[in-house]
Amino acid sequence: MTQNPATEDPNLEAAANAPEQAQATEGGSEARITALQAERDDLKDKLLRTLAEMENLRRRTEREISDAKAYAVTSFARDLLGSSDNLRRALESVPDAARNAADATLKALYDGVELTERELLKTLERHGVRRVDPQGEKFDPNLHQAMFEAPDAAIAKGLVSKVVQIGYKIGERVLRPALVGVSSGAPKAAEPPAGETGGDEPKHH
């Protein structure tokens, strides 16, 4: 019985199956490449997200450090405001006439208190604490606390007519609001009683 050479020779059989194997290998490679590309894109997305989170963390940390430096003395500065107020009250309690007529000792005492107040305010300013003296300015509820509202012919409605207590800011924050009085505008003219006229009574001859 004669055998078919194509079925007896392994090399011929492998050559016959080569196109199918190549096609299968090519299909597997494409699937592998697609999977690797998807994995690459996923890793790239995770990397970009991580970098963005790290940048946000860096900015937030820098901001917190800056705020900590700027507002570290907040409690201490607030405690010093009482001393500043007392110095101002002491100076304002001495009338101008008494100060002008004072002897050298009393004048030196007054000047010393005034100098102490100036140095204290300069020290506060070096640490970012600034006075808020809104006399004549528009009332701002973020900076001022209204104590009363009253007519004032010299100041328009809504403006600060009197500063009861100086306010302070530290950086962009309110350390203590200014206590103020607010103008309600010029007082209304009193109306004459009914039946009364503004002209002179007629004279009889």
N, C-alpha and C. Protein backbone atom coordinates (compact mmCIF):
# COMPACT_ATOMS: atom_id res chain seq x y z
N MET A 1 0.85 -1.18 0.00
CA MET A 1 0.00 0.00 0.00
C MET A 1 0.88 1.22 0.00
N THR A 2 0.59 2.16 -0.89
CA THR A 2 1.43 3.34 -1.04
C THR A 2 0.92 4.43 -0.12
N GLN A 3 1.83 5.05 0.68
CA GLN A 3 1.48 6.13 1.63
C GLN A 3 1.63 7.48 0.96
N ASN A 4 0.77 8.41 1.41
CA ASN A 4 0.82 9.80 0.91
C ASN A 4 2.01 10.48 1.51
N PRO A 5 2.94 10.98 0.69
CA PRO A 5 4.17 11.63 1.22
C PRO A 5 3.85 12.82 2.06
N ALA A 6 2.74 13.55 1.75
CA ALA A 6 2.44 14.77 2.49
C ALA A 6 2.08 14.48 3.92
N THR A 7 1.48 13.22 4.13
CA THR A 7 1.11 12.88 5.50
C THR A 7 2.25 12.23 6.24
N GLU A 8 3.25 11.76 5.51
CA GLU A 8 4.39 11.12 6.18
C GLU A 8 5.46 12.11 6.57
N ASP A 9 5.64 13.19 5.85
CA ASP A 9 6.74 14.14 6.12
C ASP A 9 6.25 15.21 7.11
N PRO A 10 6.83 15.28 8.35
CA PRO A 10 6.44 16.30 9.36
C PRO A 10 6.67 17.71 8.85
N ASN A 11 7.69 17.92 8.10
CA ASN A 11 7.98 19.28 7.61
C ASN A 11 6.90 19.77 6.66
N LEU A 12 6.42 18.86 5.82
CA LEU A 12 5.37 19.24 4.90
C LEU A 12 4.08 19.56 5.65
N GLU A 13 3.79 18.76 6.74
CA GLU A 13 2.59 19.00 7.53
C GLU A 13 2.68 20.35 8.25
N ALA A 14 3.87 20.70 8.78
CA ALA A 14 4.06 21.97 9.48
C ALA A 14 3.91 23.13 8.51
N ALA A 15 4.43 22.92 7.30
CA ALA A 15 4.32 23.98 6.30
C ALA A 15 2.88 24.21 5.91
N ALA A 16 2.10 23.12 5.89
CA ALA A 16 0.70 23.25 5.53
C ALA A 16 -0.08 23.99 6.60
N ASN A 17 0.30 23.80 7.89
CA ASN A 17 -0.42 24.44 9.00
C ASN A 17 0.11 25.84 9.33
N ALA A 18 1.21 26.28 8.71
CA ALA A 18 1.87 27.55 9.04
C ALA A 18 0.95 28.75 8.87
N PRO A 19 0.17 28.87 7.78
CA PRO A 19 -0.70 30.06 7.65
C PRO A 19 -1.70 30.20 8.79
N GLU A 20 -2.30 29.07 9.22
CA GLU A 20 -3.27 29.13 10.31
C GLU A 20 -2.60 29.54 11.61
N GLN A 21 -1.39 28.99 11.89
CA GLN A 21 -0.67 29.33 13.10
C GLN A 21 -0.25 30.80 13.09
N ALA A 22 0.18 31.29 11.93
CA ALA A 22 0.59 32.68 11.82
C ALA A 22 -0.59 33.61 12.08
N GLN A 23 -1.77 33.21 11.54
CA GLN A 23 -2.95 34.03 11.74
C GLN A 23 -3.35 34.06 13.21
N ALA A 24 -3.25 32.91 13.87
CA ALA A 24 -3.59 32.84 15.29
C ALA A 24 -2.62 33.66 16.12
N THR A 25 -1.32 33.56 15.76
CA THR A 25 -0.30 34.33 16.48
C THR A 25 -0.52 35.82 16.29
N GLU A 26 -0.87 36.23 15.07
CA GLU A 26 -1.10 37.65 14.79
C GLU A 26 -2.29 38.16 15.58
N GLY A 27 -3.35 37.35 15.65
CA GLY A 27 -4.53 37.76 16.42
C GLY A 27 -4.22 37.90 17.90
N GLY A 28 -3.40 37.00 18.43
CA GLY A 28 -3.02 37.07 19.84
C GLY A 28 -2.15 38.28 20.10
N SER A 29 -1.28 38.63 19.17
CA SER A 29 -0.40 39.79 19.35
C SER A 29 -1.21 41.08 19.37
N GLU A 30 -2.21 41.18 18.48
CA GLU A 30 -3.04 42.38 18.45
C GLU A 30 -3.81 42.54 19.76
N ALA A 31 -4.32 41.43 20.28
CA ALA A 31 -5.05 41.49 21.55
C ALA A 31 -4.13 41.91 22.68
N ARG A 32 -2.89 41.37 22.64
CA ARG A 32 -1.90 41.72 23.67
C ARG A 32 -1.53 43.19 23.58
N ILE A 33 -1.35 43.69 22.35
CA ILE A 33 -1.01 45.11 22.17
C ILE A 33 -2.14 46.00 22.67
N THR A 34 -3.38 45.61 22.36
CA THR A 34 -4.54 46.39 22.81
C THR A 34 -4.60 46.42 24.33
N ALA A 35 -4.34 45.28 24.94
CA ALA A 35 -4.35 45.22 26.42
C ALA A 35 -3.25 46.08 27.01
N LEU A 36 -2.07 46.03 26.41
CA LEU A 36 -0.94 46.84 26.91
C LEU A 36 -1.23 48.33 26.75
N GLN A 37 -1.84 48.70 25.62
CA GLN A 37 -2.18 50.11 25.42
C GLN A 37 -3.21 50.59 26.44
N ALA A 38 -4.19 49.75 26.74
CA ALA A 38 -5.19 50.11 27.75
C ALA A 38 -4.53 50.25 29.12
N GLU A 39 -3.62 49.33 29.42
CA GLU A 39 -2.91 49.40 30.70
C GLU A 39 -2.05 50.66 30.77
N ARG A 40 -1.39 51.00 29.65
CA ARG A 40 -0.57 52.21 29.59
C ARG A 40 -1.42 53.46 29.83
N ASP A 41 -2.58 53.53 29.16
CA ASP A 41 -3.45 54.68 29.31
C ASP A 41 -3.96 54.81 30.75
N ASP A 42 -4.25 53.67 31.35
CA ASP A 42 -4.73 53.68 32.74
C ASP A 42 -3.64 54.18 33.68
N LEU A 43 -2.41 53.69 33.48
CA LEU A 43 -1.29 54.13 34.32
C LEU A 43 -1.00 55.61 34.10
N LYS A 44 -1.10 56.06 32.84
CA LYS A 44 -0.88 57.48 32.53
C LYS A 44 -1.92 58.35 33.23
N ASP A 45 -3.17 57.91 33.21
CA ASP A 45 -4.23 58.67 33.87
C ASP A 45 -4.00 58.72 35.38
N LYS A 46 -3.60 57.59 35.97
CA LYS A 46 -3.32 57.56 37.41
C LYS A 46 -2.14 58.47 37.76
N LEU A 47 -1.12 58.48 36.89
CA LEU A 47 0.05 59.32 37.13
C LEU A 47 -0.33 60.80 37.10
N LEU A 48 -1.14 61.20 36.10
CA LEU A 48 -1.56 62.59 35.99
C LEU A 48 -2.40 63.00 37.19
N ARG A 49 -3.27 62.10 37.65
CA ARG A 49 -4.09 62.40 38.82
C ARG A 49 -3.21 62.57 40.06
N THR A 50 -2.23 61.69 40.20
CA THR A 50 -1.33 61.77 41.35
C THR A 50 -0.53 63.07 41.33
N LEU A 51 -0.03 63.45 40.14
CA LEU A 51 0.72 64.70 40.02
C LEU A 51 -0.15 65.90 40.37
N ALA A 52 -1.43 65.88 39.91
CA ALA A 52 -2.34 66.98 40.21
C ALA A 52 -2.62 67.06 41.71
N GLU A 53 -2.81 65.91 42.35
CA GLU A 53 -3.06 65.89 43.79
C GLU A 53 -1.84 66.39 44.56
N MET A 54 -0.64 66.02 44.10
CA MET A 54 0.58 66.47 44.76
C MET A 54 0.74 67.99 44.62
N GLU A 55 0.39 68.54 43.45
CA GLU A 55 0.48 69.98 43.23
C GLU A 55 -0.52 70.72 44.12
N ASN A 56 -1.75 70.18 44.21
CA ASN A 56 -2.74 70.79 45.09
C ASN A 56 -2.30 70.74 46.55
N LEU A 57 -1.71 69.62 46.95
CA LEU A 57 -1.21 69.48 48.31
C LEU A 57 -0.09 70.47 48.58
N ARG A 58 0.80 70.65 47.60
CA ARG A 58 1.91 71.60 47.77
C ARG A 58 1.38 73.02 47.94
N ARG A 59 0.42 73.40 47.10
CA ARG A 59 -0.15 74.75 47.20
C ARG A 59 -0.88 74.95 48.51
N ARG A 60 -1.64 73.94 48.92
CA ARG A 60 -2.38 74.05 50.18
C ARG A 60 -1.42 74.15 51.36
N THR A 61 -0.35 73.38 51.32
CA THR A 61 0.65 73.43 52.40
C THR A 61 1.32 74.80 52.45
N GLU A 62 1.68 75.33 51.28
CA GLU A 62 2.30 76.66 51.24
C GLU A 62 1.35 77.72 51.80
N ARG A 63 0.06 77.61 51.45
CA ARG A 63 -0.92 78.58 51.94
C ARG A 63 -1.09 78.46 53.46
N GLU A 64 -1.12 77.23 53.96
CA GLU A 64 -1.26 77.04 55.41
C GLU A 64 -0.04 77.56 56.16
N ILE A 65 1.14 77.35 55.58
CA ILE A 65 2.36 77.86 56.22
C ILE A 65 2.36 79.39 56.22
N SER A 66 1.94 79.98 55.09
CA SER A 66 1.87 81.44 55.00
C SER A 66 0.86 81.99 56.00
N ASP A 67 -0.31 81.35 56.11
CA ASP A 67 -1.32 81.81 57.07
C ASP A 67 -0.83 81.65 58.50
N ALA A 68 -0.13 80.55 58.77
CA ALA A 68 0.39 80.33 60.12
C ALA A 68 1.37 81.42 60.51
N LYS A 69 2.21 81.84 59.55
CA LYS A 69 3.17 82.91 59.84
C LYS A 69 2.46 84.24 60.03
N ALA A 70 1.46 84.51 59.18
CA ALA A 70 0.78 85.80 59.23
C ALA A 70 -0.10 85.95 60.45
N TYR A 71 -0.74 84.85 60.88
CA TYR A 71 -1.73 84.95 61.95
C TYR A 71 -1.29 84.27 63.25
N ALA A 72 -0.01 83.96 63.35
CA ALA A 72 0.49 83.29 64.56
C ALA A 72 0.33 84.15 65.81
N VAL A 73 0.39 85.47 65.63
CA VAL A 73 0.34 86.38 66.78
C VAL A 73 -1.07 86.90 67.05
N THR A 74 -2.08 86.29 66.43
CA THR A 74 -3.44 86.81 66.55
C THR A 74 -3.88 86.94 68.00
N SER A 75 -3.76 85.86 68.76
CA SER A 75 -4.22 85.88 70.16
C SER A 75 -3.41 86.88 70.98
N PHE A 76 -2.11 86.90 70.77
CA PHE A 76 -1.24 87.81 71.52
C PHE A 76 -1.58 89.26 71.17
N ALA A 77 -1.77 89.53 69.87
CA ALA A 77 -2.10 90.89 69.43
C ALA A 77 -3.44 91.34 70.01
N ARG A 78 -4.41 90.43 70.02
CA ARG A 78 -5.72 90.79 70.56
C ARG A 78 -5.62 91.15 72.04
N ASP A 79 -4.76 90.45 72.76
CA ASP A 79 -4.57 90.76 74.18
C ASP A 79 -3.93 92.13 74.38
N LEU A 80 -3.10 92.57 73.42
CA LEU A 80 -2.44 93.87 73.54
C LEU A 80 -3.36 95.05 73.23
N LEU A 81 -4.48 94.79 72.57
CA LEU A 81 -5.36 95.88 72.19
C LEU A 81 -5.91 96.61 73.41
N GLY A 82 -6.13 95.89 74.49
CA GLY A 82 -6.61 96.53 75.72
C GLY A 82 -5.60 97.53 76.25
N SER A 83 -4.31 97.18 76.17
CA SER A 83 -3.27 98.11 76.62
C SER A 83 -3.24 99.35 75.73
N SER A 84 -3.39 99.15 74.43
CA SER A 84 -3.42 100.28 73.52
C SER A 84 -4.62 101.19 73.81
N ASP A 85 -5.77 100.59 74.08
CA ASP A 85 -6.96 101.38 74.42
C ASP A 85 -6.73 102.19 75.69
N ASN A 86 -6.13 101.59 76.70
CA ASN A 86 -5.90 102.29 77.96
C ASN A 86 -4.94 103.46 77.78
N LEU A 87 -3.92 103.29 76.97
CA LEU A 87 -2.99 104.38 76.71
C LEU A 87 -3.72 105.54 76.01
N ARG A 88 -4.58 105.20 75.05
CA ARG A 88 -5.32 106.24 74.34
C ARG A 88 -6.28 106.97 75.29
N ARG A 89 -6.95 106.23 76.18
CA ARG A 89 -7.86 106.86 77.14
C ARG A 89 -7.09 107.80 78.08
N ALA A 90 -5.90 107.36 78.49
CA ALA A 90 -5.10 108.20 79.39
C ALA A 90 -4.73 109.51 78.70
N LEU A 91 -4.37 109.44 77.42
CA LEU A 91 -4.00 110.66 76.69
C LEU A 91 -5.21 111.57 76.49
N GLU A 92 -6.36 110.97 76.18
CA GLU A 92 -7.55 111.78 75.91
C GLU A 92 -8.17 112.35 77.18
N SER A 93 -7.79 111.81 78.33
CA SER A 93 -8.35 112.31 79.60
C SER A 93 -7.72 113.63 80.02
N VAL A 94 -6.61 114.02 79.40
CA VAL A 94 -5.94 115.27 79.74
C VAL A 94 -6.40 116.35 78.76
N PRO A 95 -7.14 117.35 79.21
CA PRO A 95 -7.59 118.41 78.30
C PRO A 95 -6.41 119.19 77.73
N ASP A 96 -6.63 119.77 76.56
CA ASP A 96 -5.57 120.55 75.92
C ASP A 96 -5.10 121.68 76.81
N ALA A 97 -6.03 122.36 77.48
CA ALA A 97 -5.65 123.49 78.33
C ALA A 97 -4.76 123.03 79.48
N ALA A 98 -5.11 121.90 80.09
CA ALA A 98 -4.30 121.39 81.19
C ALA A 98 -2.92 120.95 80.70
N ARG A 99 -2.89 120.36 79.53
CA ARG A 99 -1.60 119.92 78.99
C ARG A 99 -0.71 121.12 78.68
N ASN A 100 -1.29 122.18 78.14
CA ASN A 100 -0.49 123.35 77.80
C ASN A 100 0.00 124.07 79.05
N ALA A 101 -0.79 124.00 80.13
CA ALA A 101 -0.41 124.69 81.36
C ALA A 101 0.38 123.80 82.32
N ALA A 102 0.62 122.56 81.93
CA ALA A 102 1.27 121.62 82.84
C ALA A 102 2.73 121.98 83.05
N ASP A 103 3.24 121.57 84.21
CA ASP A 103 4.66 121.80 84.48
C ASP A 103 5.49 120.76 83.73
N ALA A 104 6.79 120.86 83.83
CA ALA A 104 7.69 119.99 83.06
C ALA A 104 7.49 118.52 83.39
N THR A 105 7.24 118.22 84.65
CA THR A 105 7.09 116.82 85.06
C THR A 105 5.86 116.18 84.44
N LEU A 106 4.72 116.88 84.54
CA LEU A 106 3.49 116.35 83.97
C LEU A 106 3.58 116.26 82.46
N LYS A 107 4.20 117.25 81.84
CA LYS A 107 4.35 117.22 80.38
C LYS A 107 5.22 116.05 79.95
N ALA A 108 6.29 115.79 80.71
CA ALA A 108 7.16 114.66 80.40
C ALA A 108 6.41 113.34 80.53
N LEU A 109 5.53 113.25 81.54
CA LEU A 109 4.72 112.04 81.73
C LEU A 109 3.78 111.85 80.54
N TYR A 110 3.13 112.91 80.12
CA TYR A 110 2.22 112.84 78.97
C TYR A 110 2.97 112.41 77.72
N ASP A 111 4.12 113.04 77.49
CA ASP A 111 4.91 112.70 76.31
C ASP A 111 5.37 111.25 76.35
N GLY A 112 5.70 110.76 77.55
CA GLY A 112 6.13 109.37 77.69
C GLY A 112 5.02 108.39 77.36
N VAL A 113 3.80 108.68 77.83
CA VAL A 113 2.64 107.83 77.50
C VAL A 113 2.37 107.84 76.00
N GLU A 114 2.47 109.03 75.40
CA GLU A 114 2.24 109.16 73.96
C GLU A 114 3.28 108.37 73.17
N LEU A 115 4.53 108.45 73.60
CA LEU A 115 5.60 107.71 72.94
C LEU A 115 5.38 106.20 73.07
N THR A 116 4.95 105.76 74.25
CA THR A 116 4.68 104.34 74.47
C THR A 116 3.58 103.84 73.55
N GLU A 117 2.53 104.65 73.38
CA GLU A 117 1.45 104.27 72.49
C GLU A 117 1.95 104.14 71.05
N ARG A 118 2.76 105.10 70.60
CA ARG A 118 3.28 105.04 69.23
C ARG A 118 4.14 103.81 69.01
N GLU A 119 4.99 103.50 69.98
CA GLU A 119 5.86 102.33 69.84
C GLU A 119 5.05 101.04 69.83
N LEU A 120 4.00 100.99 70.64
CA LEU A 120 3.15 99.79 70.66
C LEU A 120 2.46 99.60 69.32
N LEU A 121 1.95 100.69 68.74
CA LEU A 121 1.28 100.59 67.44
C LEU A 121 2.26 100.21 66.33
N LYS A 122 3.49 100.73 66.40
CA LYS A 122 4.50 100.35 65.41
C LYS A 122 4.85 98.87 65.52
N THR A 123 4.93 98.38 66.74
CA THR A 123 5.23 96.95 66.94
C THR A 123 4.11 96.09 66.37
N LEU A 124 2.86 96.49 66.61
CA LEU A 124 1.73 95.74 66.06
C LEU A 124 1.75 95.77 64.54
N GLU A 125 2.08 96.92 63.96
CA GLU A 125 2.14 97.04 62.50
C GLU A 125 3.21 96.14 61.90
N ARG A 126 4.33 96.00 62.59
CA ARG A 126 5.40 95.12 62.09
C ARG A 126 4.93 93.67 62.01
N HIS A 127 3.94 93.34 62.79
CA HIS A 127 3.41 91.97 62.79
C HIS A 127 2.09 91.89 62.04
N GLY A 128 1.82 92.88 61.19
CA GLY A 128 0.65 92.82 60.31
C GLY A 128 -0.64 93.34 60.91
N VAL A 129 -0.57 93.97 62.09
CA VAL A 129 -1.79 94.49 62.74
C VAL A 129 -1.93 95.97 62.40
N ARG A 130 -3.09 96.34 61.83
CA ARG A 130 -3.31 97.73 61.42
C ARG A 130 -4.59 98.27 62.05
N ARG A 131 -4.57 99.57 62.36
CA ARG A 131 -5.74 100.23 62.93
C ARG A 131 -6.82 100.43 61.87
N VAL A 132 -8.07 100.38 62.30
CA VAL A 132 -9.21 100.68 61.44
C VAL A 132 -9.93 101.87 62.05
N ASP A 133 -9.71 103.05 61.48
CA ASP A 133 -10.34 104.28 61.95
C ASP A 133 -11.23 104.80 60.83
N PRO A 134 -12.51 104.42 60.81
CA PRO A 134 -13.36 104.67 59.63
C PRO A 134 -14.15 105.98 59.69
N GLN A 135 -13.69 106.96 60.43
CA GLN A 135 -14.43 108.22 60.52
C GLN A 135 -14.71 108.79 59.13
N GLY A 136 -15.99 109.04 58.83
CA GLY A 136 -16.38 109.61 57.55
C GLY A 136 -16.44 108.62 56.41
N GLU A 137 -16.12 107.34 56.67
CA GLU A 137 -16.15 106.34 55.62
C GLU A 137 -17.52 105.66 55.56
N LYS A 138 -17.80 104.96 54.47
CA LYS A 138 -19.04 104.22 54.34
C LYS A 138 -19.07 103.06 55.33
N PHE A 139 -20.19 102.89 55.99
CA PHE A 139 -20.32 101.80 56.96
C PHE A 139 -20.18 100.46 56.28
N ASP A 140 -19.29 99.62 56.83
CA ASP A 140 -19.03 98.29 56.28
C ASP A 140 -19.23 97.27 57.40
N PRO A 141 -20.30 96.46 57.32
CA PRO A 141 -20.57 95.49 58.40
C PRO A 141 -19.48 94.44 58.57
N ASN A 142 -18.61 94.29 57.56
CA ASN A 142 -17.51 93.34 57.68
C ASN A 142 -16.38 93.88 58.55
N LEU A 143 -16.30 95.22 58.67
CA LEU A 143 -15.22 95.85 59.42
C LEU A 143 -15.71 96.62 60.64
N HIS A 144 -16.99 97.04 60.60
CA HIS A 144 -17.51 97.92 61.64
C HIS A 144 -18.70 97.28 62.35
N GLN A 145 -18.88 97.69 63.59
CA GLN A 145 -20.06 97.28 64.35
C GLN A 145 -20.83 98.53 64.76
N ALA A 146 -22.04 98.67 64.25
CA ALA A 146 -22.83 99.87 64.50
C ALA A 146 -23.38 99.85 65.92
N MET A 147 -23.13 100.94 66.66
CA MET A 147 -23.64 101.07 68.02
C MET A 147 -24.93 101.88 68.05
N PHE A 148 -25.06 102.80 67.10
CA PHE A 148 -26.27 103.62 67.03
C PHE A 148 -26.34 104.27 65.66
N GLU A 149 -27.51 104.81 65.35
CA GLU A 149 -27.72 105.59 64.12
C GLU A 149 -28.39 106.89 64.51
N ALA A 150 -27.85 107.99 64.04
CA ALA A 150 -28.38 109.29 64.45
C ALA A 150 -28.26 110.28 63.30
N PRO A 151 -29.15 111.29 63.27
CA PRO A 151 -29.05 112.32 62.23
C PRO A 151 -27.76 113.11 62.37
N ASP A 152 -27.20 113.51 61.25
CA ASP A 152 -25.99 114.33 61.25
C ASP A 152 -26.01 115.18 59.99
N ALA A 153 -26.13 116.48 60.17
CA ALA A 153 -26.22 117.38 59.03
C ALA A 153 -24.92 117.46 58.25
N ALA A 154 -23.80 117.15 58.90
CA ALA A 154 -22.49 117.30 58.25
C ALA A 154 -22.06 116.06 57.49
N ILE A 155 -22.70 114.92 57.74
CA ILE A 155 -22.26 113.65 57.13
C ILE A 155 -23.44 112.97 56.46
N ALA A 156 -23.22 112.48 55.26
CA ALA A 156 -24.29 111.86 54.49
C ALA A 156 -24.76 110.56 55.15
N LYS A 157 -25.96 110.18 54.79
CA LYS A 157 -26.55 108.96 55.32
C LYS A 157 -25.71 107.74 54.95
N GLY A 158 -25.52 106.85 55.93
CA GLY A 158 -24.77 105.61 55.68
C GLY A 158 -23.29 105.72 55.95
N LEU A 159 -22.80 106.92 56.26
CA LEU A 159 -21.38 107.10 56.58
C LEU A 159 -21.18 107.07 58.09
N VAL A 160 -19.96 106.73 58.49
CA VAL A 160 -19.63 106.68 59.92
C VAL A 160 -19.50 108.10 60.44
N SER A 161 -20.36 108.44 61.40
CA SER A 161 -20.35 109.80 61.96
C SER A 161 -19.52 109.90 63.24
N LYS A 162 -19.32 108.78 63.92
CA LYS A 162 -18.54 108.79 65.16
C LYS A 162 -17.89 107.43 65.36
N VAL A 163 -16.62 107.44 65.74
CA VAL A 163 -15.90 106.20 66.07
C VAL A 163 -15.85 106.08 67.59
N VAL A 164 -16.58 105.13 68.11
CA VAL A 164 -16.62 104.93 69.56
C VAL A 164 -15.36 104.20 70.03
N GLN A 165 -14.92 103.24 69.23
CA GLN A 165 -13.71 102.49 69.55
C GLN A 165 -13.01 102.09 68.26
N ILE A 166 -11.71 102.35 68.18
CA ILE A 166 -10.91 102.00 67.02
C ILE A 166 -10.93 100.49 66.79
N GLY A 167 -10.98 100.07 65.53
CA GLY A 167 -10.90 98.65 65.20
C GLY A 167 -9.50 98.28 64.74
N TYR A 168 -9.26 96.98 64.55
CA TYR A 168 -7.96 96.50 64.10
C TYR A 168 -8.14 95.32 63.14
N LYS A 169 -7.22 95.23 62.17
CA LYS A 169 -7.15 94.09 61.26
C LYS A 169 -5.78 93.46 61.39
N ILE A 170 -5.72 92.15 61.15
CA ILE A 170 -4.44 91.46 61.06
C ILE A 170 -4.43 90.74 59.71
N GLY A 171 -3.53 91.15 58.83
CA GLY A 171 -3.57 90.64 57.47
C GLY A 171 -4.87 91.07 56.82
N GLU A 172 -5.63 90.12 56.30
CA GLU A 172 -6.92 90.42 55.70
C GLU A 172 -8.08 90.06 56.62
N ARG A 173 -7.78 89.73 57.86
CA ARG A 173 -8.83 89.33 58.80
C ARG A 173 -9.09 90.44 59.81
N VAL A 174 -10.32 90.49 60.29
CA VAL A 174 -10.70 91.46 61.31
C VAL A 174 -10.25 90.93 62.67
N LEU A 175 -9.40 91.70 63.33
CA LEU A 175 -8.97 91.32 64.67
C LEU A 175 -9.99 91.82 65.69
N ARG A 176 -10.48 93.04 65.47
CA ARG A 176 -11.54 93.61 66.29
C ARG A 176 -12.30 94.64 65.47
N PRO A 177 -13.62 94.52 65.33
CA PRO A 177 -14.35 95.51 64.53
C PRO A 177 -14.36 96.86 65.22
N ALA A 178 -14.40 97.91 64.43
CA ALA A 178 -14.52 99.26 64.98
C ALA A 178 -15.96 99.48 65.43
N LEU A 179 -16.13 100.03 66.64
CA LEU A 179 -17.46 100.36 67.15
C LEU A 179 -17.79 101.77 66.70
N VAL A 180 -18.88 101.93 65.97
CA VAL A 180 -19.15 103.21 65.32
C VAL A 180 -20.61 103.63 65.47
N GLY A 181 -20.82 104.94 65.26
CA GLY A 181 -22.15 105.48 65.08
C GLY A 181 -22.33 105.81 63.62
N VAL A 182 -23.52 105.61 63.09
CA VAL A 182 -23.77 105.79 61.66
C VAL A 182 -24.75 106.94 61.46
N SER A 183 -24.46 107.77 60.48
CA SER A 183 -25.33 108.90 60.19
C SER A 183 -26.59 108.44 59.46
N SER A 184 -27.71 109.00 59.87
CA SER A 184 -28.97 108.74 59.16
C SER A 184 -29.33 109.91 58.26
N GLY A 185 -28.36 110.79 58.04
CA GLY A 185 -28.58 111.93 57.16
C GLY A 185 -28.94 113.18 57.92
N ALA A 186 -29.17 114.24 57.20
CA ALA A 186 -29.51 115.50 57.84
C ALA A 186 -30.86 115.40 58.54
N PRO A 187 -30.99 116.04 59.70
CA PRO A 187 -32.30 116.00 60.40
C PRO A 187 -33.37 116.71 59.60
N LYS A 188 -34.57 116.21 59.69
CA LYS A 188 -35.68 116.81 58.95
C LYS A 188 -36.08 118.12 59.60
N ALA A 189 -36.41 119.11 58.77
CA ALA A 189 -36.83 120.40 59.29
C ALA A 189 -38.18 120.26 59.98
N ALA A 190 -38.30 120.92 61.13
CA ALA A 190 -39.55 120.84 61.88
C ALA A 190 -40.64 121.59 61.12
N GLU A 191 -41.81 120.98 61.02
CA GLU A 191 -42.93 121.62 60.33
C GLU A 191 -43.63 122.59 61.28
N PRO A 192 -44.04 123.78 60.80
CA PRO A 192 -44.72 124.75 61.66
C PRO A 192 -46.08 124.21 62.10
N PRO A 193 -46.53 124.60 63.29
CA PRO A 193 -47.85 124.14 63.76
C PRO A 193 -48.94 124.56 62.79
N ALA A 194 -50.03 123.81 62.80
CA ALA A 194 -51.15 124.10 61.89
C ALA A 194 -51.71 125.49 62.15
N GLY A 195 -51.96 126.24 61.09
CA GLY A 195 -52.54 127.58 61.20
C GLY A 195 -51.50 128.66 61.34
N GLU A 196 -50.23 128.28 61.58
CA GLU A 196 -49.18 129.30 61.73
C GLU A 196 -48.54 129.56 60.39
N THR A 197 -48.34 130.82 60.06
CA THR A 197 -47.74 131.18 58.78
C THR A 197 -46.38 131.75 59.01
N GLY A 198 -45.59 131.71 57.97
CA GLY A 198 -44.24 132.22 58.10
C GLY A 198 -44.14 133.70 57.88
N GLY A 199 -45.20 134.37 57.37
CA GLY A 199 -45.10 135.79 57.06
C GLY A 199 -45.45 136.66 58.25
N ASP A 200 -45.18 137.95 58.17
CA ASP A 200 -45.53 138.88 59.23
C ASP A 200 -47.03 139.18 59.18
N GLU A 201 -47.57 139.45 60.36
CA GLU A 201 -48.99 139.80 60.42
C GLU A 201 -49.21 141.17 59.75
N PRO A 202 -50.32 141.36 59.08
CA PRO A 202 -50.58 142.66 58.42
C PRO A 202 -50.75 143.77 59.45
N LYS A 203 -50.21 144.92 59.10
CA LYS A 203 -50.28 146.07 60.01
C LYS A 203 -51.54 146.88 59.70
N HIS A 204 -52.17 147.42 60.80
CA HIS A 204 -53.38 148.22 60.64
C HIS A 204 -53.04 149.68 60.81
N HIS A 205 -53.50 150.52 59.94
CA HIS A 205 -53.21 151.95 60.02
C HIS A 205 -54.42 152.64 60.60
